[in-house]
Amino acid sequence: VTQKRETNNPKNPFTEITDHHIKIPMAKEIAMLQRNEKGKQARLY
């Protein structure tokens, strides 16, 4: 997915940001790959 965000540049007031909408099973696997406390919190969540 892409979304527009405002910038402080008057000549180019918007910039396009790339994002991804992730299903929960994938998000859970990514959290497990981190092998740290934040990853553990995300996985439990």
ModelCIF file with pLDDT and N, C-alpha, C, O atoms, coordinates in Angstrom:
data_MODEL
#
_entry.id   MODEL 
#
_entity.id                         1 
_entity.type                       polymer 
_entity.pdbx_number_of_molecules   1 
#
_entity_poly.entity_id                      1 
_entity_poly.type                           'polypeptide(L)' 
_entity_poly.nstd_linkage                   no 
_entity_poly.nstd_monomer                   no 
_entity_poly.pdbx_seq_one_letter_code       VTQKRETNNPKNPFTEITDHHIKIPMAKEIAMLQRNEKGKQARLY 
_entity_poly.pdbx_seq_one_letter_code_can   VTQKRETNNPKNPFTEITDHHIKIPMAKEIAMLQRNEKGKQARLY 
_entity_poly.pdbx_strand_id                 A 
#
loop_
_entity_poly_seq.entity_id 
_entity_poly_seq.num 
_entity_poly_seq.mon_id 
_entity_poly_seq.hetero 
1 1  VAL n 
1 2  THR n 
1 3  GLN n 
1 4  LYS n 
1 5  ARG n 
1 6  GLU n 
1 7  THR n 
1 8  ASN n 
1 9  ASN n 
1 10 PRO n 
1 11 LYS n 
1 12 ASN n 
1 13 PRO n 
1 14 PHE n 
1 15 THR n 
1 16 GLU n 
1 17 ILE n 
1 18 THR n 
1 19 ASP n 
1 20 HIS n 
1 21 HIS n 
1 22 ILE n 
1 23 LYS n 
1 24 ILE n 
1 25 PRO n 
1 26 MET n 
1 27 ALA n 
1 28 LYS n 
1 29 GLU n 
1 30 ILE n 
1 31 ALA n 
1 32 MET n 
1 33 LEU n 
1 34 GLN n 
1 35 ARG n 
1 36 ASN n 
1 37 GLU n 
1 38 LYS n 
1 39 GLY n 
1 40 LYS n 
1 41 GLN n 
1 42 ALA n 
1 43 ARG n 
1 44 LEU n 
1 45 TYR n 
#
_struct_asym.id          A 
_struct_asym.entity_id   1 
#
loop_
_ma_qa_metric.id 
_ma_qa_metric.mode 
_ma_qa_metric.name 
_ma_qa_metric.software_group_id 
_ma_qa_metric.type 
1 global pLDDT . pLDDT 
2 local  pLDDT . pLDDT 
#
_ma_qa_metric_global.metric_id      1 
_ma_qa_metric_global.metric_value   87.84 
_ma_qa_metric_global.model_id       1 
_ma_qa_metric_global.ordinal_id     1 
#
loop_
_ma_qa_metric_local.label_asym_id 
_ma_qa_metric_local.label_comp_id 
_ma_qa_metric_local.label_seq_id 
_ma_qa_metric_local.metric_id 
_ma_qa_metric_local.metric_value 
_ma_qa_metric_local.model_id 
_ma_qa_metric_local.ordinal_id 
A VAL 1  2 92.00 1 1  
A THR 2  2 90.00 1 2  
A GLN 3  2 82.00 1 3  
A LYS 4  2 80.00 1 4  
A ARG 5  2 77.00 1 5  
A GLU 6  2 79.00 1 6  
A THR 7  2 75.00 1 7  
A ASN 8  2 79.00 1 8  
A ASN 9  2 78.00 1 9  
A PRO 10 2 77.00 1 10 
A LYS 11 2 77.00 1 11 
A ASN 12 2 79.00 1 12 
A PRO 13 2 75.00 1 13 
A PHE 14 2 79.00 1 14 
A THR 15 2 82.00 1 15 
A GLU 16 2 85.00 1 16 
A ILE 17 2 89.00 1 17 
A THR 18 2 91.00 1 18 
A ASP 19 2 93.00 1 19 
A HIS 20 2 94.00 1 20 
A HIS 21 2 94.00 1 21 
A ILE 22 2 95.00 1 22 
A LYS 23 2 94.00 1 23 
A ILE 24 2 92.00 1 24 
A PRO 25 2 93.00 1 25 
A MET 26 2 94.00 1 26 
A ALA 27 2 94.00 1 27 
A LYS 28 2 93.00 1 28 
A GLU 29 2 94.00 1 29 
A ILE 30 2 94.00 1 30 
A ALA 31 2 93.00 1 31 
A MET 32 2 91.00 1 32 
A LEU 33 2 91.00 1 33 
A GLN 34 2 88.00 1 34 
A ARG 35 2 86.00 1 35 
A ASN 36 2 89.00 1 36 
A GLU 37 2 92.00 1 37 
A LYS 38 2 92.00 1 38 
A GLY 39 2 91.00 1 39 
A LYS 40 2 92.00 1 40 
A GLN 41 2 92.00 1 41 
A ALA 42 2 92.00 1 42 
A ARG 43 2 91.00 1 43 
A LEU 44 2 92.00 1 44 
A TYR 45 2 91.00 1 45 
#
loop_
_atom_site.group_PDB 
_atom_site.id 
_atom_site.type_symbol 
_atom_site.label_atom_id 
_atom_site.label_alt_id 
_atom_site.label_comp_id 
_atom_site.label_asym_id 
_atom_site.label_entity_id 
_atom_site.label_seq_id 
_atom_site.pdbx_PDB_ins_code 
_atom_site.Cartn_x 
_atom_site.Cartn_y 
_atom_site.Cartn_z 
_atom_site.occupancy 
_atom_site.B_iso_or_equiv 
_atom_site.pdbx_formal_charge 
_atom_site.auth_seq_id 
_atom_site.auth_comp_id 
_atom_site.auth_asym_id 
_atom_site.auth_atom_id 
_atom_site.pdbx_PDB_model_num 
ATOM 1   N N  . VAL A 1 1  ? 0.855  -1.193  0.000  1.00 92.00 ? 1  VAL A N  1 
ATOM 2   C CA . VAL A 1 1  ? 0.000  0.000   0.000  1.00 92.00 ? 1  VAL A CA 1 
ATOM 3   C C  . VAL A 1 1  ? 0.886  1.236   0.000  1.00 92.00 ? 1  VAL A C  1 
ATOM 4   O O  . VAL A 1 1  ? 2.025  1.205   0.468  1.00 92.00 ? 1  VAL A O  1 
ATOM 5   N N  . THR A 1 2  ? 0.347  2.316   -0.530 1.00 90.00 ? 2  THR A N  1 
ATOM 6   C CA . THR A 1 2  ? 1.061  3.593   -0.513 1.00 90.00 ? 2  THR A CA 1 
ATOM 7   C C  . THR A 1 2  ? 0.155  4.654   0.074  1.00 90.00 ? 2  THR A C  1 
ATOM 8   O O  . THR A 1 2  ? -1.068 4.562   -0.032 1.00 90.00 ? 2  THR A O  1 
ATOM 9   N N  . GLN A 1 3  ? 0.739  5.643   0.681  1.00 82.00 ? 3  GLN A N  1 
ATOM 10  C CA . GLN A 1 3  ? -0.027 6.742   1.241  1.00 82.00 ? 3  GLN A CA 1 
ATOM 11  C C  . GLN A 1 3  ? 0.770  8.027   1.104  1.00 82.00 ? 3  GLN A C  1 
ATOM 12  O O  . GLN A 1 3  ? 2.001  8.012   1.086  1.00 82.00 ? 3  GLN A O  1 
ATOM 13  N N  . LYS A 1 4  ? 0.050  9.143   1.007  1.00 80.00 ? 4  LYS A N  1 
ATOM 14  C CA . LYS A 1 4  ? 0.693  10.440  0.869  1.00 80.00 ? 4  LYS A CA 1 
ATOM 15  C C  . LYS A 1 4  ? 0.853  11.098  2.238  1.00 80.00 ? 4  LYS A C  1 
ATOM 16  O O  . LYS A 1 4  ? -0.036 11.039  3.088  1.00 80.00 ? 4  LYS A O  1 
ATOM 17  N N  . ARG A 1 5  ? 2.007  11.722  2.422  1.00 77.00 ? 5  ARG A N  1 
ATOM 18  C CA . ARG A 1 5  ? 2.264  12.465  3.660  1.00 77.00 ? 5  ARG A CA 1 
ATOM 19  C C  . ARG A 1 5  ? 2.746  13.861  3.324  1.00 77.00 ? 5  ARG A C  1 
ATOM 20  O O  . ARG A 1 5  ? 3.413  14.086  2.314  1.00 77.00 ? 5  ARG A O  1 
ATOM 21  N N  . GLU A 1 6  ? 2.389  14.797  4.200  1.00 79.00 ? 6  GLU A N  1 
ATOM 22  C CA . GLU A 1 6  ? 2.786  16.180  3.974  1.00 79.00 ? 6  GLU A CA 1 
ATOM 23  C C  . GLU A 1 6  ? 4.280  16.358  4.248  1.00 79.00 ? 6  GLU A C  1 
ATOM 24  O O  . GLU A 1 6  ? 4.864  15.681  5.095  1.00 79.00 ? 6  GLU A O  1 
ATOM 25  N N  . THR A 1 7  ? 4.877  17.292  3.503  1.00 75.00 ? 7  THR A N  1 
ATOM 26  C CA . THR A 1 7  ? 6.280  17.634  3.709  1.00 75.00 ? 7  THR A CA 1 
ATOM 27  C C  . THR A 1 7  ? 6.376  19.131  4.028  1.00 75.00 ? 7  THR A C  1 
ATOM 28  O O  . THR A 1 7  ? 5.377  19.848  3.986  1.00 75.00 ? 7  THR A O  1 
ATOM 29  N N  . ASN A 1 8  ? 7.557  19.577  4.338  1.00 79.00 ? 8  ASN A N  1 
ATOM 30  C CA . ASN A 1 8  ? 7.785  21.001  4.595  1.00 79.00 ? 8  ASN A CA 1 
ATOM 31  C C  . ASN A 1 8  ? 8.297  21.717  3.356  1.00 79.00 ? 8  ASN A C  1 
ATOM 32  O O  . ASN A 1 8  ? 8.710  22.875  3.423  1.00 79.00 ? 8  ASN A O  1 
ATOM 33  N N  . ASN A 1 9  ? 8.267  21.020  2.220  1.00 78.00 ? 9  ASN A N  1 
ATOM 34  C CA . ASN A 1 9  ? 8.746  21.590  0.968  1.00 78.00 ? 9  ASN A CA 1 
ATOM 35  C C  . ASN A 1 9  ? 7.578  22.195  0.195  1.00 78.00 ? 9  ASN A C  1 
ATOM 36  O O  . ASN A 1 9  ? 6.719  21.453  -0.281 1.00 78.00 ? 9  ASN A O  1 
ATOM 37  N N  . PRO A 1 10 ? 7.519  23.535  0.055  1.00 77.00 ? 10 PRO A N  1 
ATOM 38  C CA . PRO A 1 10 ? 6.396  24.161  -0.654 1.00 77.00 ? 10 PRO A CA 1 
ATOM 39  C C  . PRO A 1 10 ? 6.278  23.696  -2.105 1.00 77.00 ? 10 PRO A C  1 
ATOM 40  O O  . PRO A 1 10 ? 5.171  23.619  -2.640 1.00 77.00 ? 10 PRO A O  1 
ATOM 41  N N  . LYS A 1 11 ? 7.407  23.385  -2.747 1.00 77.00 ? 11 LYS A N  1 
ATOM 42  C CA . LYS A 1 11 ? 7.370  22.952  -4.141 1.00 77.00 ? 11 LYS A CA 1 
ATOM 43  C C  . LYS A 1 11 ? 6.871  21.511  -4.284 1.00 77.00 ? 11 LYS A C  1 
ATOM 44  O O  . LYS A 1 11 ? 6.354  21.121  -5.330 1.00 77.00 ? 11 LYS A O  1 
ATOM 45  N N  . ASN A 1 12 ? 7.034  20.746  -3.233 1.00 79.00 ? 12 ASN A N  1 
ATOM 46  C CA . ASN A 1 12 ? 6.578  19.356  -3.248 1.00 79.00 ? 12 ASN A CA 1 
ATOM 47  C C  . ASN A 1 12 ? 5.928  19.053  -1.894 1.00 79.00 ? 12 ASN A C  1 
ATOM 48  O O  . ASN A 1 12 ? 6.534  18.419  -1.030 1.00 79.00 ? 12 ASN A O  1 
ATOM 49  N N  . PRO A 1 13 ? 4.666  19.524  -1.723 1.00 75.00 ? 13 PRO A N  1 
ATOM 50  C CA . PRO A 1 13 ? 4.032  19.442  -0.404 1.00 75.00 ? 13 PRO A CA 1 
ATOM 51  C C  . PRO A 1 13 ? 3.703  18.030  0.071  1.00 75.00 ? 13 PRO A C  1 
ATOM 52  O O  . PRO A 1 13 ? 3.442  17.824  1.257  1.00 75.00 ? 13 PRO A O  1 
ATOM 53  N N  . PHE A 1 14 ? 3.712  17.058  -0.836 1.00 79.00 ? 14 PHE A N  1 
ATOM 54  C CA . PHE A 1 14 ? 3.382  15.686  -0.449 1.00 79.00 ? 14 PHE A CA 1 
ATOM 55  C C  . PHE A 1 14 ? 4.452  14.717  -0.964 1.00 79.00 ? 14 PHE A C  1 
ATOM 56  O O  . PHE A 1 14 ? 5.058  14.929  -2.015 1.00 79.00 ? 14 PHE A O  1 
ATOM 57  N N  . THR A 1 15 ? 4.660  13.666  -0.203 1.00 82.00 ? 15 THR A N  1 
ATOM 58  C CA . THR A 1 15 ? 5.550  12.597  -0.638 1.00 82.00 ? 15 THR A CA 1 
ATOM 59  C C  . THR A 1 15 ? 4.828  11.270  -0.454 1.00 82.00 ? 15 THR A C  1 
ATOM 60  O O  . THR A 1 15 ? 3.958  11.149  0.408  1.00 82.00 ? 15 THR A O  1 
ATOM 61  N N  . GLU A 1 16 ? 5.179  10.293  -1.247 1.00 85.00 ? 16 GLU A N  1 
ATOM 62  C CA . GLU A 1 16 ? 4.501  8.991   -1.205 1.00 85.00 ? 16 GLU A CA 1 
ATOM 63  C C  . GLU A 1 16 ? 5.296  8.019   -0.348 1.00 85.00 ? 16 GLU A C  1 
ATOM 64  O O  . GLU A 1 16 ? 6.488  7.809   -0.572 1.00 85.00 ? 16 GLU A O  1 
ATOM 65  N N  . ILE A 1 17 ? 4.633  7.434   0.623  1.00 89.00 ? 17 ILE A N  1 
ATOM 66  C CA . ILE A 1 17 ? 5.256  6.495   1.557  1.00 89.00 ? 17 ILE A CA 1 
ATOM 67  C C  . ILE A 1 17 ? 4.759  5.083   1.275  1.00 89.00 ? 17 ILE A C  1 
ATOM 68  O O  . ILE A 1 17 ? 3.559  4.863   1.112  1.00 89.00 ? 17 ILE A O  1 
ATOM 69  N N  . THR A 1 18 ? 5.678  4.131   1.217  1.00 91.00 ? 18 THR A N  1 
ATOM 70  C CA . THR A 1 18 ? 5.321  2.729   0.998  1.00 91.00 ? 18 THR A CA 1 
ATOM 71  C C  . THR A 1 18 ? 5.083  2.029   2.337  1.00 91.00 ? 18 THR A C  1 
ATOM 72  O O  . THR A 1 18 ? 5.862  2.185   3.278  1.00 91.00 ? 18 THR A O  1 
ATOM 73  N N  . ASP A 1 19 ? 4.019  1.273   2.407  1.00 93.00 ? 19 ASP A N  1 
ATOM 74  C CA . ASP A 1 19 ? 3.710  0.495   3.608  1.00 93.00 ? 19 ASP A CA 1 
ATOM 75  C C  . ASP A 1 19 ? 3.194  -0.875  3.150  1.00 93.00 ? 19 ASP A C  1 
ATOM 76  O O  . ASP A 1 19 ? 3.026  -1.119  1.955  1.00 93.00 ? 19 ASP A O  1 
ATOM 77  N N  . HIS A 1 20 ? 2.949  -1.749  4.109  1.00 94.00 ? 20 HIS A N  1 
ATOM 78  C CA . HIS A 1 20 ? 2.415  -3.076  3.795  1.00 94.00 ? 20 HIS A CA 1 
ATOM 79  C C  . HIS A 1 20 ? 1.374  -3.442  4.843  1.00 94.00 ? 20 HIS A C  1 
ATOM 80  O O  . HIS A 1 20 ? 1.590  -3.247  6.039  1.00 94.00 ? 20 HIS A O  1 
ATOM 81  N N  . HIS A 1 21 ? 0.253  -3.969  4.393  1.00 94.00 ? 21 HIS A N  1 
ATOM 82  C CA . HIS A 1 21 ? -0.753 -4.495  5.305  1.00 94.00 ? 21 HIS A CA 1 
ATOM 83  C C  . HIS A 1 21 ? -0.499 -6.000  5.455  1.00 94.00 ? 21 HIS A C  1 
ATOM 84  O O  . HIS A 1 21 ? -0.584 -6.766  4.495  1.00 94.00 ? 21 HIS A O  1 
ATOM 85  N N  . ILE A 1 22 ? -0.188 -6.389  6.684  1.00 95.00 ? 22 ILE A N  1 
ATOM 86  C CA . ILE A 1 22 ? 0.286  -7.745  6.964  1.00 95.00 ? 22 ILE A CA 1 
ATOM 87  C C  . ILE A 1 22 ? -0.779 -8.529  7.718  1.00 95.00 ? 22 ILE A C  1 
ATOM 88  O O  . ILE A 1 22 ? -1.388 -8.016  8.657  1.00 95.00 ? 22 ILE A O  1 
ATOM 89  N N  . LYS A 1 23 ? -1.000 -9.780  7.302  1.00 94.00 ? 23 LYS A N  1 
ATOM 90  C CA . LYS A 1 23 ? -1.902 -10.649 8.037  1.00 94.00 ? 23 LYS A CA 1 
ATOM 91  C C  . LYS A 1 23 ? -1.242 -11.066 9.356  1.00 94.00 ? 23 LYS A C  1 
ATOM 92  O O  . LYS A 1 23 ? -0.018 -11.095 9.478  1.00 94.00 ? 23 LYS A O  1 
ATOM 93  N N  . ILE A 1 24 ? -2.086 -11.384 10.333 1.00 92.00 ? 24 ILE A N  1 
ATOM 94  C CA . ILE A 1 24 ? -1.593 -11.688 11.674 1.00 92.00 ? 24 ILE A CA 1 
ATOM 95  C C  . ILE A 1 24 ? -0.616 -12.864 11.710 1.00 92.00 ? 24 ILE A C  1 
ATOM 96  O O  . ILE A 1 24 ? 0.387  -12.764 12.418 1.00 92.00 ? 24 ILE A O  1 
ATOM 97  N N  . PRO A 1 25 ? -0.841 -13.980 10.989 1.00 93.00 ? 25 PRO A N  1 
ATOM 98  C CA . PRO A 1 25 ? 0.145  -15.073 11.028 1.00 93.00 ? 25 PRO A CA 1 
ATOM 99  C C  . PRO A 1 25 ? 1.540  -14.620 10.594 1.00 93.00 ? 25 PRO A C  1 
ATOM 100 O O  . PRO A 1 25 ? 2.536  -15.030 11.190 1.00 93.00 ? 25 PRO A O  1 
ATOM 101 N N  . MET A 1 26 ? 1.617  -13.783 9.566  1.00 94.00 ? 26 MET A N  1 
ATOM 102 C CA . MET A 1 26 ? 2.916  -13.284 9.134  1.00 94.00 ? 26 MET A CA 1 
ATOM 103 C C  . MET A 1 26 ? 3.522  -12.366 10.189 1.00 94.00 ? 26 MET A C  1 
ATOM 104 O O  . MET A 1 26 ? 4.714  -12.452 10.486 1.00 94.00 ? 26 MET A O  1 
ATOM 105 N N  . ALA A 1 27 ? 2.691  -11.482 10.756 1.00 94.00 ? 27 ALA A N  1 
ATOM 106 C CA . ALA A 1 27 ? 3.186  -10.564 11.789 1.00 94.00 ? 27 ALA A CA 1 
ATOM 107 C C  . ALA A 1 27 ? 3.707  -11.343 12.987 1.00 94.00 ? 27 ALA A C  1 
ATOM 108 O O  . ALA A 1 27 ? 4.707  -10.956 13.591 1.00 94.00 ? 27 ALA A O  1 
ATOM 109 N N  . LYS A 1 28 ? 3.045  -12.426 13.330 1.00 93.00 ? 28 LYS A N  1 
ATOM 110 C CA . LYS A 1 28 ? 3.472  -13.253 14.463 1.00 93.00 ? 28 LYS A CA 1 
ATOM 111 C C  . LYS A 1 28 ? 4.826  -13.911 14.182 1.00 93.00 ? 28 LYS A C  1 
ATOM 112 O O  . LYS A 1 28 ? 5.684  -13.976 15.061 1.00 93.00 ? 28 LYS A O  1 
ATOM 113 N N  . GLU A 1 29 ? 5.009  -14.396 12.955 1.00 94.00 ? 29 GLU A N  1 
ATOM 114 C CA . GLU A 1 29 ? 6.292  -15.017 12.588 1.00 94.00 ? 29 GLU A CA 1 
ATOM 115 C C  . GLU A 1 29 ? 7.419  -13.991 12.604 1.00 94.00 ? 29 GLU A C  1 
ATOM 116 O O  . GLU A 1 29 ? 8.525  -14.281 13.058 1.00 94.00 ? 29 GLU A O  1 
ATOM 117 N N  . ILE A 1 30 ? 7.134  -12.795 12.107 1.00 94.00 ? 30 ILE A N  1 
ATOM 118 C CA . ILE A 1 30 ? 8.157  -11.737 12.114 1.00 94.00 ? 30 ILE A CA 1 
ATOM 119 C C  . ILE A 1 30 ? 8.567  -11.413 13.545 1.00 94.00 ? 30 ILE A C  1 
ATOM 120 O O  . ILE A 1 30 ? 9.749  -11.225 13.833 1.00 94.00 ? 30 ILE A O  1 
ATOM 121 N N  . ALA A 1 31 ? 7.577  -11.348 14.443 1.00 93.00 ? 31 ALA A N  1 
ATOM 122 C CA . ALA A 1 31 ? 7.879  -11.069 15.849 1.00 93.00 ? 31 ALA A CA 1 
ATOM 123 C C  . ALA A 1 31 ? 8.780  -12.150 16.435 1.00 93.00 ? 31 ALA A C  1 
ATOM 124 O O  . ALA A 1 31 ? 9.700  -11.840 17.192 1.00 93.00 ? 31 ALA A O  1 
ATOM 125 N N  . MET A 1 32 ? 8.528  -13.418 16.096 1.00 91.00 ? 32 MET A N  1 
ATOM 126 C CA . MET A 1 32 ? 9.342  -14.533 16.598 1.00 91.00 ? 32 MET A CA 1 
ATOM 127 C C  . MET A 1 32 ? 10.774 -14.442 16.093 1.00 91.00 ? 32 MET A C  1 
ATOM 128 O O  . MET A 1 32 ? 11.701 -14.865 16.784 1.00 91.00 ? 32 MET A O  1 
ATOM 129 N N  . LEU A 1 33 ? 10.967 -13.890 14.885 1.00 91.00 ? 33 LEU A N  1 
ATOM 130 C CA . LEU A 1 33 ? 12.304 -13.803 14.293 1.00 91.00 ? 33 LEU A CA 1 
ATOM 131 C C  . LEU A 1 33 ? 13.191 -12.788 14.995 1.00 91.00 ? 33 LEU A C  1 
ATOM 132 O O  . LEU A 1 33 ? 14.413 -12.847 14.861 1.00 91.00 ? 33 LEU A O  1 
ATOM 133 N N  . GLN A 1 34 ? 12.606 -11.865 15.735 1.00 88.00 ? 34 GLN A N  1 
ATOM 134 C CA . GLN A 1 34 ? 13.397 -10.788 16.328 1.00 88.00 ? 34 GLN A CA 1 
ATOM 135 C C  . GLN A 1 34 ? 14.259 -11.268 17.503 1.00 88.00 ? 34 GLN A C  1 
ATOM 136 O O  . GLN A 1 34 ? 15.335 -10.725 17.755 1.00 88.00 ? 34 GLN A O  1 
ATOM 137 N N  . ARG A 1 35 ? 13.775 -12.289 18.215 1.00 86.00 ? 35 ARG A N  1 
ATOM 138 C CA . ARG A 1 35 ? 14.540 -12.883 19.321 1.00 86.00 ? 35 ARG A CA 1 
ATOM 139 C C  . ARG A 1 35 ? 14.933 -11.849 20.381 1.00 86.00 ? 35 ARG A C  1 
ATOM 140 O O  . ARG A 1 35 ? 16.061 -11.852 20.874 1.00 86.00 ? 35 ARG A O  1 
ATOM 141 N N  . ASN A 1 36 ? 13.994 -10.971 20.722 1.00 89.00 ? 36 ASN A N  1 
ATOM 142 C CA . ASN A 1 36 ? 14.235 -10.012 21.797 1.00 89.00 ? 36 ASN A CA 1 
ATOM 143 C C  . ASN A 1 36 ? 12.919 -9.784  22.550 1.00 89.00 ? 36 ASN A C  1 
ATOM 144 O O  . ASN A 1 36 ? 11.889 -10.364 22.207 1.00 89.00 ? 36 ASN A O  1 
ATOM 145 N N  . GLU A 1 37 ? 12.968 -8.926  23.584 1.00 92.00 ? 37 GLU A N  1 
ATOM 146 C CA . GLU A 1 37 ? 11.802 -8.730  24.431 1.00 92.00 ? 37 GLU A CA 1 
ATOM 147 C C  . GLU A 1 37 ? 10.627 -8.120  23.662 1.00 92.00 ? 37 GLU A C  1 
ATOM 148 O O  . GLU A 1 37 ? 9.479  -8.518  23.862 1.00 92.00 ? 37 GLU A O  1 
ATOM 149 N N  . LYS A 1 38 ? 10.912 -7.154  22.781 1.00 92.00 ? 38 LYS A N  1 
ATOM 150 C CA . LYS A 1 38 ? 9.851  -6.531  21.996 1.00 92.00 ? 38 LYS A CA 1 
ATOM 151 C C  . LYS A 1 38 ? 9.189  -7.557  21.061 1.00 92.00 ? 38 LYS A C  1 
ATOM 152 O O  . LYS A 1 38 ? 7.973  -7.551  20.871 1.00 92.00 ? 38 LYS A O  1 
ATOM 153 N N  . GLY A 1 39 ? 10.003 -8.418  20.495 1.00 91.00 ? 39 GLY A N  1 
ATOM 154 C CA . GLY A 1 39 ? 9.454  -9.464  19.645 1.00 91.00 ? 39 GLY A CA 1 
ATOM 155 C C  . GLY A 1 39 ? 8.572  -10.408 20.427 1.00 91.00 ? 39 GLY A C  1 
ATOM 156 O O  . GLY A 1 39 ? 7.533  -10.847 19.933 1.00 91.00 ? 39 GLY A O  1 
ATOM 157 N N  . LYS A 1 40 ? 8.982  -10.730 21.661 1.00 92.00 ? 40 LYS A N  1 
ATOM 158 C CA . LYS A 1 40 ? 8.188  -11.607 22.514 1.00 92.00 ? 40 LYS A CA 1 
ATOM 159 C C  . LYS A 1 40 ? 6.850  -10.970 22.852 1.00 92.00 ? 40 LYS A C  1 
ATOM 160 O O  . LYS A 1 40 ? 5.811  -11.630 22.811 1.00 92.00 ? 40 LYS A O  1 
ATOM 161 N N  . GLN A 1 41 ? 6.879  -9.657  23.194 1.00 92.00 ? 41 GLN A N  1 
ATOM 162 C CA . GLN A 1 41 ? 5.638  -8.945  23.500 1.00 92.00 ? 41 GLN A CA 1 
ATOM 163 C C  . GLN A 1 41 ? 4.695  -8.963  22.302 1.00 92.00 ? 41 GLN A C  1 
ATOM 164 O O  . GLN A 1 41 ? 3.500  -9.224  22.440 1.00 92.00 ? 41 GLN A O  1 
ATOM 165 N N  . ALA A 1 42 ? 5.250  -8.683  21.131 1.00 92.00 ? 42 ALA A N  1 
ATOM 166 C CA . ALA A 1 42 ? 4.425  -8.648  19.912 1.00 92.00 ? 42 ALA A CA 1 
ATOM 167 C C  . ALA A 1 42 ? 3.827  -10.026 19.636 1.00 92.00 ? 42 ALA A C  1 
ATOM 168 O O  . ALA A 1 42 ? 2.655  -10.133 19.277 1.00 92.00 ? 42 ALA A O  1 
ATOM 169 N N  . ARG A 1 43 ? 4.623  -11.075 19.803 1.00 91.00 ? 43 ARG A N  1 
ATOM 170 C CA . ARG A 1 43 ? 4.130  -12.438 19.540 1.00 91.00 ? 43 ARG A CA 1 
ATOM 171 C C  . ARG A 1 43 ? 2.973  -12.783 20.463 1.00 91.00 ? 43 ARG A C  1 
ATOM 172 O O  . ARG A 1 43 ? 1.955  -13.303 20.006 1.00 91.00 ? 43 ARG A O  1 
ATOM 173 N N  . LEU A 1 44 ? 3.114  -12.500 21.763 1.00 92.00 ? 44 LEU A N  1 
ATOM 174 C CA . LEU A 1 44 ? 2.045  -12.776 22.724 1.00 92.00 ? 44 LEU A CA 1 
ATOM 175 C C  . LEU A 1 44 ? 0.793  -11.963 22.395 1.00 92.00 ? 44 LEU A C  1 
ATOM 176 O O  . LEU A 1 44 ? -0.334 -12.439 22.527 1.00 92.00 ? 44 LEU A O  1 
ATOM 177 N N  . TYR A 1 45 ? 1.024  -10.729 21.965 1.00 91.00 ? 45 TYR A N  1 
ATOM 178 C CA . TYR A 1 45 ? -0.081 -9.850  21.586 1.00 91.00 ? 45 TYR A CA 1 
ATOM 179 C C  . TYR A 1 45 ? -0.852 -10.430 20.405 1.00 91.00 ? 45 TYR A C  1 
ATOM 180 O O  . TYR A 1 45 ? -1.821 -9.828  19.944 1.00 91.00 ? 45 TYR A O  1 
#
